[in-house]
Amino acid sequence: IRQAWEMTRLETARKQEAALRNRLEQKMVDAERLMSLGTISTG
């Protein structure tokens, strides 16, 4: 039971880490696009 629970806990942590990584990557992409768009918009 403890082994099964530990597997669940690790899998949940892995999914949360992957979701966080995806959000951070998306924010980085958005930030780069916004910076580019900001430069264009100023012009």
ModelCIF file with pLDDT and N, C-alpha, C, O atoms, coordinates in Angstrom:
data_MODEL
#
_entry.id   MODEL 
#
_entity.id                         1 
_entity.type                       polymer 
_entity.pdbx_number_of_molecules   1 
#
_entity_poly.entity_id                      1 
_entity_poly.type                           'polypeptide(L)' 
_entity_poly.nstd_linkage                   no 
_entity_poly.nstd_monomer                   no 
_entity_poly.pdbx_seq_one_letter_code       IRQAWEMTRLETARKQEAALRNRLEQKMVDAERLMSLGTISTG 
_entity_poly.pdbx_seq_one_letter_code_can   IRQAWEMTRLETARKQEAALRNRLEQKMVDAERLMSLGTISTG 
_entity_poly.pdbx_strand_id                 A 
#
loop_
_entity_poly_seq.entity_id 
_entity_poly_seq.num 
_entity_poly_seq.mon_id 
_entity_poly_seq.hetero 
1 1  ILE n 
1 2  ARG n 
1 3  GLN n 
1 4  ALA n 
1 5  TRP n 
1 6  GLU n 
1 7  MET n 
1 8  THR n 
1 9  ARG n 
1 10 LEU n 
1 11 GLU n 
1 12 THR n 
1 13 ALA n 
1 14 ARG n 
1 15 LYS n 
1 16 GLN n 
1 17 GLU n 
1 18 ALA n 
1 19 ALA n 
1 20 LEU n 
1 21 ARG n 
1 22 ASN n 
1 23 ARG n 
1 24 LEU n 
1 25 GLU n 
1 26 GLN n 
1 27 LYS n 
1 28 MET n 
1 29 VAL n 
1 30 ASP n 
1 31 ALA n 
1 32 GLU n 
1 33 ARG n 
1 34 LEU n 
1 35 MET n 
1 36 SER n 
1 37 LEU n 
1 38 GLY n 
1 39 THR n 
1 40 ILE n 
1 41 SER n 
1 42 THR n 
1 43 GLY n 
#
_struct_asym.id          A 
_struct_asym.entity_id   1 
#
loop_
_ma_qa_metric.id 
_ma_qa_metric.mode 
_ma_qa_metric.name 
_ma_qa_metric.software_group_id 
_ma_qa_metric.type 
1 global pLDDT . pLDDT 
2 local  pLDDT . pLDDT 
#
_ma_qa_metric_global.metric_id      1 
_ma_qa_metric_global.metric_value   74.93 
_ma_qa_metric_global.model_id       1 
_ma_qa_metric_global.ordinal_id     1 
#
loop_
_ma_qa_metric_local.label_asym_id 
_ma_qa_metric_local.label_comp_id 
_ma_qa_metric_local.label_seq_id 
_ma_qa_metric_local.metric_id 
_ma_qa_metric_local.metric_value 
_ma_qa_metric_local.model_id 
_ma_qa_metric_local.ordinal_id 
A ILE 1  2 93.00 1 1  
A ARG 2  2 92.00 1 2  
A GLN 3  2 92.00 1 3  
A ALA 4  2 90.00 1 4  
A TRP 5  2 90.00 1 5  
A GLU 6  2 90.00 1 6  
A MET 7  2 88.00 1 7  
A THR 8  2 85.00 1 8  
A ARG 9  2 86.00 1 9  
A LEU 10 2 87.00 1 10 
A GLU 11 2 85.00 1 11 
A THR 12 2 82.00 1 12 
A ALA 13 2 83.00 1 13 
A ARG 14 2 85.00 1 14 
A LYS 15 2 83.00 1 15 
A GLN 16 2 83.00 1 16 
A GLU 17 2 83.00 1 17 
A ALA 18 2 82.00 1 18 
A ALA 19 2 80.00 1 19 
A LEU 20 2 80.00 1 20 
A ARG 21 2 80.00 1 21 
A ASN 22 2 78.00 1 22 
A ARG 23 2 75.00 1 23 
A LEU 24 2 74.00 1 24 
A GLU 25 2 73.00 1 25 
A GLN 26 2 72.00 1 26 
A LYS 27 2 69.00 1 27 
A MET 28 2 67.00 1 28 
A VAL 29 2 65.00 1 29 
A ASP 30 2 65.00 1 30 
A ALA 31 2 61.00 1 31 
A GLU 32 2 62.00 1 32 
A ARG 33 2 63.00 1 33 
A LEU 34 2 61.00 1 34 
A MET 35 2 58.00 1 35 
A SER 36 2 58.00 1 36 
A LEU 37 2 62.00 1 37 
A GLY 38 2 61.00 1 38 
A THR 39 2 57.00 1 39 
A ILE 40 2 59.00 1 40 
A SER 41 2 64.00 1 41 
A THR 42 2 60.00 1 42 
A GLY 43 2 59.00 1 43 
#
loop_
_atom_site.group_PDB 
_atom_site.id 
_atom_site.type_symbol 
_atom_site.label_atom_id 
_atom_site.label_alt_id 
_atom_site.label_comp_id 
_atom_site.label_asym_id 
_atom_site.label_entity_id 
_atom_site.label_seq_id 
_atom_site.pdbx_PDB_ins_code 
_atom_site.Cartn_x 
_atom_site.Cartn_y 
_atom_site.Cartn_z 
_atom_site.occupancy 
_atom_site.B_iso_or_equiv 
_atom_site.pdbx_formal_charge 
_atom_site.auth_seq_id 
_atom_site.auth_comp_id 
_atom_site.auth_asym_id 
_atom_site.auth_atom_id 
_atom_site.pdbx_PDB_model_num 
ATOM 1   N N  . ILE A 1 1  ? 0.833 -1.202 0.000   1.00 93.00 ? 1  ILE A N  1 
ATOM 2   C CA . ILE A 1 1  ? 0.000 0.000  0.000   1.00 93.00 ? 1  ILE A CA 1 
ATOM 3   C C  . ILE A 1 1  ? 0.868 1.252  0.000   1.00 93.00 ? 1  ILE A C  1 
ATOM 4   O O  . ILE A 1 1  ? 0.592 2.208  -0.725  1.00 93.00 ? 1  ILE A O  1 
ATOM 5   N N  . ARG A 1 2  ? 1.920 1.240  0.820   1.00 92.00 ? 2  ARG A N  1 
ATOM 6   C CA . ARG A 1 2  ? 2.823 2.396  0.873   1.00 92.00 ? 2  ARG A CA 1 
ATOM 7   C C  . ARG A 1 2  ? 3.525 2.603  -0.471  1.00 92.00 ? 2  ARG A C  1 
ATOM 8   O O  . ARG A 1 2  ? 3.681 3.733  -0.932  1.00 92.00 ? 2  ARG A O  1 
ATOM 9   N N  . GLN A 1 3  ? 3.954 1.477  -1.104  1.00 92.00 ? 3  GLN A N  1 
ATOM 10  C CA . GLN A 1 3  ? 4.601 1.579  -2.408  1.00 92.00 ? 3  GLN A CA 1 
ATOM 11  C C  . GLN A 1 3  ? 3.640 2.149  -3.457  1.00 92.00 ? 3  GLN A C  1 
ATOM 12  O O  . GLN A 1 3  ? 4.019 2.993  -4.269  1.00 92.00 ? 3  GLN A O  1 
ATOM 13  N N  . ALA A 1 4  ? 2.398 1.677  -3.426  1.00 90.00 ? 4  ALA A N  1 
ATOM 14  C CA . ALA A 1 4  ? 1.398 2.159  -4.383  1.00 90.00 ? 4  ALA A CA 1 
ATOM 15  C C  . ALA A 1 4  ? 1.126 3.648  -4.183  1.00 90.00 ? 4  ALA A C  1 
ATOM 16  O O  . ALA A 1 4  ? 1.024 4.410  -5.145  1.00 90.00 ? 4  ALA A O  1 
ATOM 17  N N  . TRP A 1 5  ? 1.008 4.055  -2.898  1.00 90.00 ? 5  TRP A N  1 
ATOM 18  C CA . TRP A 1 5  ? 0.757 5.472  -2.596  1.00 90.00 ? 5  TRP A CA 1 
ATOM 19  C C  . TRP A 1 5  ? 1.936 6.332  -3.026  1.00 90.00 ? 5  TRP A C  1 
ATOM 20  O O  . TRP A 1 5  ? 1.750 7.428  -3.553  1.00 90.00 ? 5  TRP A O  1 
ATOM 21  N N  . GLU A 1 6  ? 3.150 5.837  -2.802  1.00 90.00 ? 6  GLU A N  1 
ATOM 22  C CA . GLU A 1 6  ? 4.340 6.592  -3.195  1.00 90.00 ? 6  GLU A CA 1 
ATOM 23  C C  . GLU A 1 6  ? 4.395 6.756  -4.714  1.00 90.00 ? 6  GLU A C  1 
ATOM 24  O O  . GLU A 1 6  ? 4.794 7.810  -5.210  1.00 90.00 ? 6  GLU A O  1 
ATOM 25  N N  . MET A 1 7  ? 3.997 5.717  -5.454  1.00 88.00 ? 7  MET A N  1 
ATOM 26  C CA . MET A 1 7  ? 3.964 5.814  -6.917  1.00 88.00 ? 7  MET A CA 1 
ATOM 27  C C  . MET A 1 7  ? 2.958 6.883  -7.348  1.00 88.00 ? 7  MET A C  1 
ATOM 28  O O  . MET A 1 7  ? 3.237 7.678  -8.245  1.00 88.00 ? 7  MET A O  1 
ATOM 29  N N  . THR A 1 8  ? 1.781 6.898  -6.700  1.00 85.00 ? 8  THR A N  1 
ATOM 30  C CA . THR A 1 8  ? 0.769 7.902  -7.016  1.00 85.00 ? 8  THR A CA 1 
ATOM 31  C C  . THR A 1 8  ? 1.296 9.301  -6.732  1.00 85.00 ? 8  THR A C  1 
ATOM 32  O O  . THR A 1 8  ? 1.124 10.218 -7.535  1.00 85.00 ? 8  THR A O  1 
ATOM 33  N N  . ARG A 1 9  ? 1.952 9.453  -5.562  1.00 86.00 ? 9  ARG A N  1 
ATOM 34  C CA . ARG A 1 9  ? 2.477 10.761 -5.170  1.00 86.00 ? 9  ARG A CA 1 
ATOM 35  C C  . ARG A 1 9  ? 3.536 11.246 -6.163  1.00 86.00 ? 9  ARG A C  1 
ATOM 36  O O  . ARG A 1 9  ? 3.539 12.412 -6.557  1.00 86.00 ? 9  ARG A O  1 
ATOM 37  N N  . LEU A 1 10 ? 4.432 10.343 -6.562  1.00 87.00 ? 10 LEU A N  1 
ATOM 38  C CA . LEU A 1 10 ? 5.474 10.718 -7.505  1.00 87.00 ? 10 LEU A CA 1 
ATOM 39  C C  . LEU A 1 10 ? 4.899 11.049 -8.881  1.00 87.00 ? 10 LEU A C  1 
ATOM 40  O O  . LEU A 1 10 ? 5.368 11.973 -9.546  1.00 87.00 ? 10 LEU A O  1 
ATOM 41  N N  . GLU A 1 11 ? 3.887 10.297 -9.307  1.00 85.00 ? 11 GLU A N  1 
ATOM 42  C CA . GLU A 1 11 ? 3.259 10.550 -10.600 1.00 85.00 ? 11 GLU A CA 1 
ATOM 43  C C  . GLU A 1 11 ? 2.538 11.893 -10.596 1.00 85.00 ? 11 GLU A C  1 
ATOM 44  O O  . GLU A 1 11 ? 2.578 12.638 -11.575 1.00 85.00 ? 11 GLU A O  1 
ATOM 45  N N  . THR A 1 12 ? 1.870 12.191 -9.464  1.00 82.00 ? 12 THR A N  1 
ATOM 46  C CA . THR A 1 12 ? 1.193 13.484 -9.345  1.00 82.00 ? 12 THR A CA 1 
ATOM 47  C C  . THR A 1 12 ? 2.208 14.623 -9.394  1.00 82.00 ? 12 THR A C  1 
ATOM 48  O O  . THR A 1 12 ? 1.991 15.630 -10.068 1.00 82.00 ? 12 THR A O  1 
ATOM 49  N N  . ALA A 1 13 ? 3.322 14.453 -8.671  1.00 83.00 ? 13 ALA A N  1 
ATOM 50  C CA . ALA A 1 13 ? 4.369 15.484 -8.666  1.00 83.00 ? 13 ALA A CA 1 
ATOM 51  C C  . ALA A 1 13 ? 4.955 15.661 -10.061 1.00 83.00 ? 13 ALA A C  1 
ATOM 52  O O  . ALA A 1 13 ? 5.244 16.780 -10.486 1.00 83.00 ? 13 ALA A O  1 
ATOM 53  N N  . ARG A 1 14 ? 5.129 14.543 -10.773 1.00 85.00 ? 14 ARG A N  1 
ATOM 54  C CA . ARG A 1 14 ? 5.683 14.618 -12.124 1.00 85.00 ? 14 ARG A CA 1 
ATOM 55  C C  . ARG A 1 14 ? 4.742 15.384 -13.053 1.00 85.00 ? 14 ARG A C  1 
ATOM 56  O O  . ARG A 1 14 ? 5.190 16.207 -13.852 1.00 85.00 ? 14 ARG A O  1 
ATOM 57  N N  . LYS A 1 15 ? 3.440 15.113 -12.950 1.00 83.00 ? 15 LYS A N  1 
ATOM 58  C CA . LYS A 1 15 ? 2.474 15.819 -13.793 1.00 83.00 ? 15 LYS A CA 1 
ATOM 59  C C  . LYS A 1 15 ? 2.420 17.309 -13.450 1.00 83.00 ? 15 LYS A C  1 
ATOM 60  O O  . LYS A 1 15 ? 2.319 18.159 -14.336 1.00 83.00 ? 15 LYS A O  1 
ATOM 61  N N  . GLN A 1 16 ? 2.491 17.611 -12.149 1.00 83.00 ? 16 GLN A N  1 
ATOM 62  C CA . GLN A 1 16 ? 2.475 19.019 -11.744 1.00 83.00 ? 16 GLN A CA 1 
ATOM 63  C C  . GLN A 1 16 ? 3.717 19.746 -12.253 1.00 83.00 ? 16 GLN A C  1 
ATOM 64  O O  . GLN A 1 16 ? 3.648 20.892 -12.697 1.00 83.00 ? 16 GLN A O  1 
ATOM 65  N N  . GLU A 1 17 ? 4.867 19.043 -12.176 1.00 83.00 ? 17 GLU A N  1 
ATOM 66  C CA . GLU A 1 17 ? 6.107 19.650 -12.663 1.00 83.00 ? 17 GLU A CA 1 
ATOM 67  C C  . GLU A 1 17 ? 6.038 19.876 -14.168 1.00 83.00 ? 17 GLU A C  1 
ATOM 68  O O  . GLU A 1 17 ? 6.487 20.907 -14.668 1.00 83.00 ? 17 GLU A O  1 
ATOM 69  N N  . ALA A 1 18 ? 5.465 18.894 -14.898 1.00 82.00 ? 18 ALA A N  1 
ATOM 70  C CA . ALA A 1 18 ? 5.351 19.033 -16.350 1.00 82.00 ? 18 ALA A CA 1 
ATOM 71  C C  . ALA A 1 18 ? 4.400 20.173 -16.705 1.00 82.00 ? 18 ALA A C  1 
ATOM 72  O O  . ALA A 1 18 ? 4.664 20.930 -17.639 1.00 82.00 ? 18 ALA A O  1 
ATOM 73  N N  . ALA A 1 19 ? 3.285 20.302 -15.959 1.00 80.00 ? 19 ALA A N  1 
ATOM 74  C CA . ALA A 1 19 ? 2.332 21.382 -16.217 1.00 80.00 ? 19 ALA A CA 1 
ATOM 75  C C  . ALA A 1 19 ? 2.969 22.734 -15.931 1.00 80.00 ? 19 ALA A C  1 
ATOM 76  O O  . ALA A 1 19 ? 2.782 23.690 -16.685 1.00 80.00 ? 19 ALA A O  1 
ATOM 77  N N  . LEU A 1 20 ? 3.733 22.809 -14.820 1.00 80.00 ? 20 LEU A N  1 
ATOM 78  C CA . LEU A 1 20 ? 4.417 24.053 -14.480 1.00 80.00 ? 20 LEU A CA 1 
ATOM 79  C C  . LEU A 1 20 ? 5.441 24.416 -15.546 1.00 80.00 ? 20 LEU A C  1 
ATOM 80  O O  . LEU A 1 20 ? 5.564 25.579 -15.931 1.00 80.00 ? 20 LEU A O  1 
ATOM 81  N N  . ARG A 1 21 ? 6.173 23.414 -16.018 1.00 80.00 ? 21 ARG A N  1 
ATOM 82  C CA . ARG A 1 21 ? 7.176 23.661 -17.052 1.00 80.00 ? 21 ARG A CA 1 
ATOM 83  C C  . ARG A 1 21 ? 6.514 24.179 -18.331 1.00 80.00 ? 21 ARG A C  1 
ATOM 84  O O  . ARG A 1 21 ? 7.011 25.103 -18.975 1.00 80.00 ? 21 ARG A O  1 
ATOM 85  N N  . ASN A 1 22 ? 5.376 23.559 -18.684 1.00 78.00 ? 22 ASN A N  1 
ATOM 86  C CA . ASN A 1 22 ? 4.660 24.006 -19.880 1.00 78.00 ? 22 ASN A CA 1 
ATOM 87  C C  . ASN A 1 22 ? 4.179 25.440 -19.730 1.00 78.00 ? 22 ASN A C  1 
ATOM 88  O O  . ASN A 1 22 ? 4.266 26.230 -20.671 1.00 78.00 ? 22 ASN A O  1 
ATOM 89  N N  . ARG A 1 23 ? 3.661 25.786 -18.527 1.00 75.00 ? 23 ARG A N  1 
ATOM 90  C CA . ARG A 1 23 ? 3.187 27.156 -18.302 1.00 75.00 ? 23 ARG A CA 1 
ATOM 91  C C  . ARG A 1 23 ? 4.335 28.154 -18.383 1.00 75.00 ? 23 ARG A C  1 
ATOM 92  O O  . ARG A 1 23 ? 4.196 29.229 -18.967 1.00 75.00 ? 23 ARG A O  1 
ATOM 93  N N  . LEU A 1 24 ? 5.475 27.786 -17.788 1.00 74.00 ? 24 LEU A N  1 
ATOM 94  C CA . LEU A 1 24 ? 6.634 28.680 -17.824 1.00 74.00 ? 24 LEU A CA 1 
ATOM 95  C C  . LEU A 1 24 ? 7.149 28.866 -19.248 1.00 74.00 ? 24 LEU A C  1 
ATOM 96  O O  . LEU A 1 24 ? 7.502 29.973 -19.655 1.00 74.00 ? 24 LEU A O  1 
ATOM 97  N N  . GLU A 1 25 ? 7.184 27.760 -20.001 1.00 73.00 ? 25 GLU A N  1 
ATOM 98  C CA . GLU A 1 25 ? 7.631 27.853 -21.385 1.00 73.00 ? 25 GLU A CA 1 
ATOM 99  C C  . GLU A 1 25 ? 6.695 28.730 -22.201 1.00 73.00 ? 25 GLU A C  1 
ATOM 100 O O  . GLU A 1 25 ? 7.140 29.523 -23.030 1.00 73.00 ? 25 GLU A O  1 
ATOM 101 N N  . GLN A 1 26 ? 5.382 28.584 -21.959 1.00 72.00 ? 26 GLN A N  1 
ATOM 102 C CA . GLN A 1 26 ? 4.411 29.393 -22.681 1.00 72.00 ? 26 GLN A CA 1 
ATOM 103 C C  . GLN A 1 26 ? 4.554 30.864 -22.315 1.00 72.00 ? 26 GLN A C  1 
ATOM 104 O O  . GLN A 1 26 ? 4.458 31.741 -23.174 1.00 72.00 ? 26 GLN A O  1 
ATOM 105 N N  . LYS A 1 27 ? 4.787 31.127 -21.018 1.00 69.00 ? 27 LYS A N  1 
ATOM 106 C CA . LYS A 1 27 ? 4.972 32.513 -20.579 1.00 69.00 ? 27 LYS A CA 1 
ATOM 107 C C  . LYS A 1 27 ? 6.222 33.124 -21.206 1.00 69.00 ? 27 LYS A C  1 
ATOM 108 O O  . LYS A 1 27 ? 6.236 34.304 -21.556 1.00 69.00 ? 27 LYS A O  1 
ATOM 109 N N  . MET A 1 28 ? 7.276 32.310 -21.347 1.00 67.00 ? 28 MET A N  1 
ATOM 110 C CA . MET A 1 28 ? 8.502 32.812 -21.986 1.00 67.00 ? 28 MET A CA 1 
ATOM 111 C C  . MET A 1 28 ? 8.239 33.143 -23.454 1.00 67.00 ? 28 MET A C  1 
ATOM 112 O O  . MET A 1 28 ? 8.698 34.165 -23.965 1.00 67.00 ? 28 MET A O  1 
ATOM 113 N N  . VAL A 1 29 ? 7.489 32.259 -24.125 1.00 65.00 ? 29 VAL A N  1 
ATOM 114 C CA . VAL A 1 29 ? 7.151 32.520 -25.530 1.00 65.00 ? 29 VAL A CA 1 
ATOM 115 C C  . VAL A 1 29 ? 6.302 33.785 -25.636 1.00 65.00 ? 29 VAL A C  1 
ATOM 116 O O  . VAL A 1 29 ? 6.544 34.638 -26.490 1.00 65.00 ? 29 VAL A O  1 
ATOM 117 N N  . ASP A 1 30 ? 5.296 33.896 -24.748 1.00 65.00 ? 30 ASP A N  1 
ATOM 118 C CA . ASP A 1 30 ? 4.429 35.075 -24.766 1.00 65.00 ? 30 ASP A CA 1 
ATOM 119 C C  . ASP A 1 30 ? 5.225 36.344 -24.483 1.00 65.00 ? 30 ASP A C  1 
ATOM 120 O O  . ASP A 1 30 ? 5.011 37.381 -25.111 1.00 65.00 ? 30 ASP A O  1 
ATOM 121 N N  . ALA A 1 31 ? 6.164 36.243 -23.508 1.00 61.00 ? 31 ALA A N  1 
ATOM 122 C CA . ALA A 1 31 ? 6.956 37.418 -23.154 1.00 61.00 ? 31 ALA A CA 1 
ATOM 123 C C  . ALA A 1 31 ? 7.797 37.881 -24.345 1.00 61.00 ? 31 ALA A C  1 
ATOM 124 O O  . ALA A 1 31 ? 7.896 39.077 -24.619 1.00 61.00 ? 31 ALA A O  1 
ATOM 125 N N  . GLU A 1 32 ? 8.401 36.923 -25.047 1.00 62.00 ? 32 GLU A N  1 
ATOM 126 C CA . GLU A 1 32 ? 9.212 37.277 -26.214 1.00 62.00 ? 32 GLU A CA 1 
ATOM 127 C C  . GLU A 1 32 ? 8.352 37.911 -27.307 1.00 62.00 ? 32 GLU A C  1 
ATOM 128 O O  . GLU A 1 32 ? 8.750 38.884 -27.946 1.00 62.00 ? 32 GLU A O  1 
ATOM 129 N N  . ARG A 1 33 ? 7.161 37.336 -27.507 1.00 63.00 ? 33 ARG A N  1 
ATOM 130 C CA . ARG A 1 33 ? 6.270 37.870 -28.541 1.00 63.00 ? 33 ARG A CA 1 
ATOM 131 C C  . ARG A 1 33 ? 5.773 39.261 -28.157 1.00 63.00 ? 33 ARG A C  1 
ATOM 132 O O  . ARG A 1 33 ? 5.655 40.146 -29.005 1.00 63.00 ? 33 ARG A O  1 
ATOM 133 N N  . LEU A 1 34 ? 5.484 39.442 -26.865 1.00 61.00 ? 34 LEU A N  1 
ATOM 134 C CA . LEU A 1 34 ? 5.020 40.748 -26.400 1.00 61.00 ? 34 LEU A CA 1 
ATOM 135 C C  . LEU A 1 34 ? 6.114 41.796 -26.526 1.00 61.00 ? 34 LEU A C  1 
ATOM 136 O O  . LEU A 1 34 ? 5.847 42.943 -26.883 1.00 61.00 ? 34 LEU A O  1 
ATOM 137 N N  . MET A 1 35 ? 7.362 41.392 -26.227 1.00 58.00 ? 35 MET A N  1 
ATOM 138 C CA . MET A 1 35 ? 8.468 42.330 -26.384 1.00 58.00 ? 35 MET A CA 1 
ATOM 139 C C  . MET A 1 35 ? 8.607 42.755 -27.837 1.00 58.00 ? 35 MET A C  1 
ATOM 140 O O  . MET A 1 35 ? 8.790 43.935 -28.134 1.00 58.00 ? 35 MET A O  1 
ATOM 141 N N  . SER A 1 36 ? 8.519 41.783 -28.744 1.00 58.00 ? 36 SER A N  1 
ATOM 142 C CA . SER A 1 36 ? 8.613 42.104 -30.166 1.00 58.00 ? 36 SER A CA 1 
ATOM 143 C C  . SER A 1 36 ? 7.457 42.993 -30.592 1.00 58.00 ? 36 SER A C  1 
ATOM 144 O O  . SER A 1 36 ? 7.640 43.978 -31.308 1.00 58.00 ? 36 SER A O  1 
ATOM 145 N N  . LEU A 1 37 ? 6.260 42.627 -30.139 1.00 62.00 ? 37 LEU A N  1 
ATOM 146 C CA . LEU A 1 37 ? 5.085 43.403 -30.505 1.00 62.00 ? 37 LEU A CA 1 
ATOM 147 C C  . LEU A 1 37 ? 5.154 44.803 -29.903 1.00 62.00 ? 37 LEU A C  1 
ATOM 148 O O  . LEU A 1 37 ? 4.711 45.772 -30.518 1.00 62.00 ? 37 LEU A O  1 
ATOM 149 N N  . GLY A 1 38 ? 5.715 44.904 -28.688 1.00 61.00 ? 38 GLY A N  1 
ATOM 150 C CA . GLY A 1 38 ? 5.861 46.210 -28.065 1.00 61.00 ? 38 GLY A CA 1 
ATOM 151 C C  . GLY A 1 38 ? 6.754 47.118 -28.885 1.00 61.00 ? 38 GLY A C  1 
ATOM 152 O O  . GLY A 1 38 ? 6.458 48.299 -29.063 1.00 61.00 ? 38 GLY A O  1 
ATOM 153 N N  . THR A 1 39 ? 7.860 46.559 -29.388 1.00 57.00 ? 39 THR A N  1 
ATOM 154 C CA . THR A 1 39 ? 8.769 47.344 -30.230 1.00 57.00 ? 39 THR A CA 1 
ATOM 155 C C  . THR A 1 39 ? 8.071 47.785 -31.512 1.00 57.00 ? 39 THR A C  1 
ATOM 156 O O  . THR A 1 39 ? 8.179 48.939 -31.926 1.00 57.00 ? 39 THR A O  1 
ATOM 157 N N  . ILE A 1 40 ? 7.353 46.848 -32.133 1.00 59.00 ? 40 ILE A N  1 
ATOM 158 C CA . ILE A 1 40 ? 6.626 47.179 -33.366 1.00 59.00 ? 40 ILE A CA 1 
ATOM 159 C C  . ILE A 1 40 ? 5.560 48.231 -33.092 1.00 59.00 ? 40 ILE A C  1 
ATOM 160 O O  . ILE A 1 40 ? 5.387 49.174 -33.864 1.00 59.00 ? 40 ILE A O  1 
ATOM 161 N N  . SER A 1 41 ? 4.836 48.052 -31.965 1.00 64.00 ? 41 SER A N  1 
ATOM 162 C CA . SER A 1 41 ? 3.745 48.969 -31.635 1.00 64.00 ? 41 SER A CA 1 
ATOM 163 C C  . SER A 1 41 ? 4.243 50.379 -31.415 1.00 64.00 ? 41 SER A C  1 
ATOM 164 O O  . SER A 1 41 ? 3.599 51.344 -31.828 1.00 64.00 ? 41 SER A O  1 
ATOM 165 N N  . THR A 1 42 ? 5.404 50.502 -30.757 1.00 60.00 ? 42 THR A N  1 
ATOM 166 C CA . THR A 1 42 ? 5.976 51.829 -30.542 1.00 60.00 ? 42 THR A CA 1 
ATOM 167 C C  . THR A 1 42 ? 6.273 52.509 -31.872 1.00 60.00 ? 42 THR A C  1 
ATOM 168 O O  . THR A 1 42 ? 6.005 53.698 -32.043 1.00 60.00 ? 42 THR A O  1 
ATOM 169 N N  . GLY A 1 43 ? 6.826 51.751 -32.808 1.00 59.00 ? 43 GLY A N  1 
ATOM 170 C CA . GLY A 1 43 ? 7.097 52.300 -34.138 1.00 59.00 ? 43 GLY A CA 1 
ATOM 171 C C  . GLY A 1 43 ? 5.822 52.693 -34.858 1.00 59.00 ? 43 GLY A C  1 
ATOM 172 O O  . GLY A 1 43 ? 5.875 53.172 -35.991 1.00 59.00 ? 43 GLY A O  1 
#
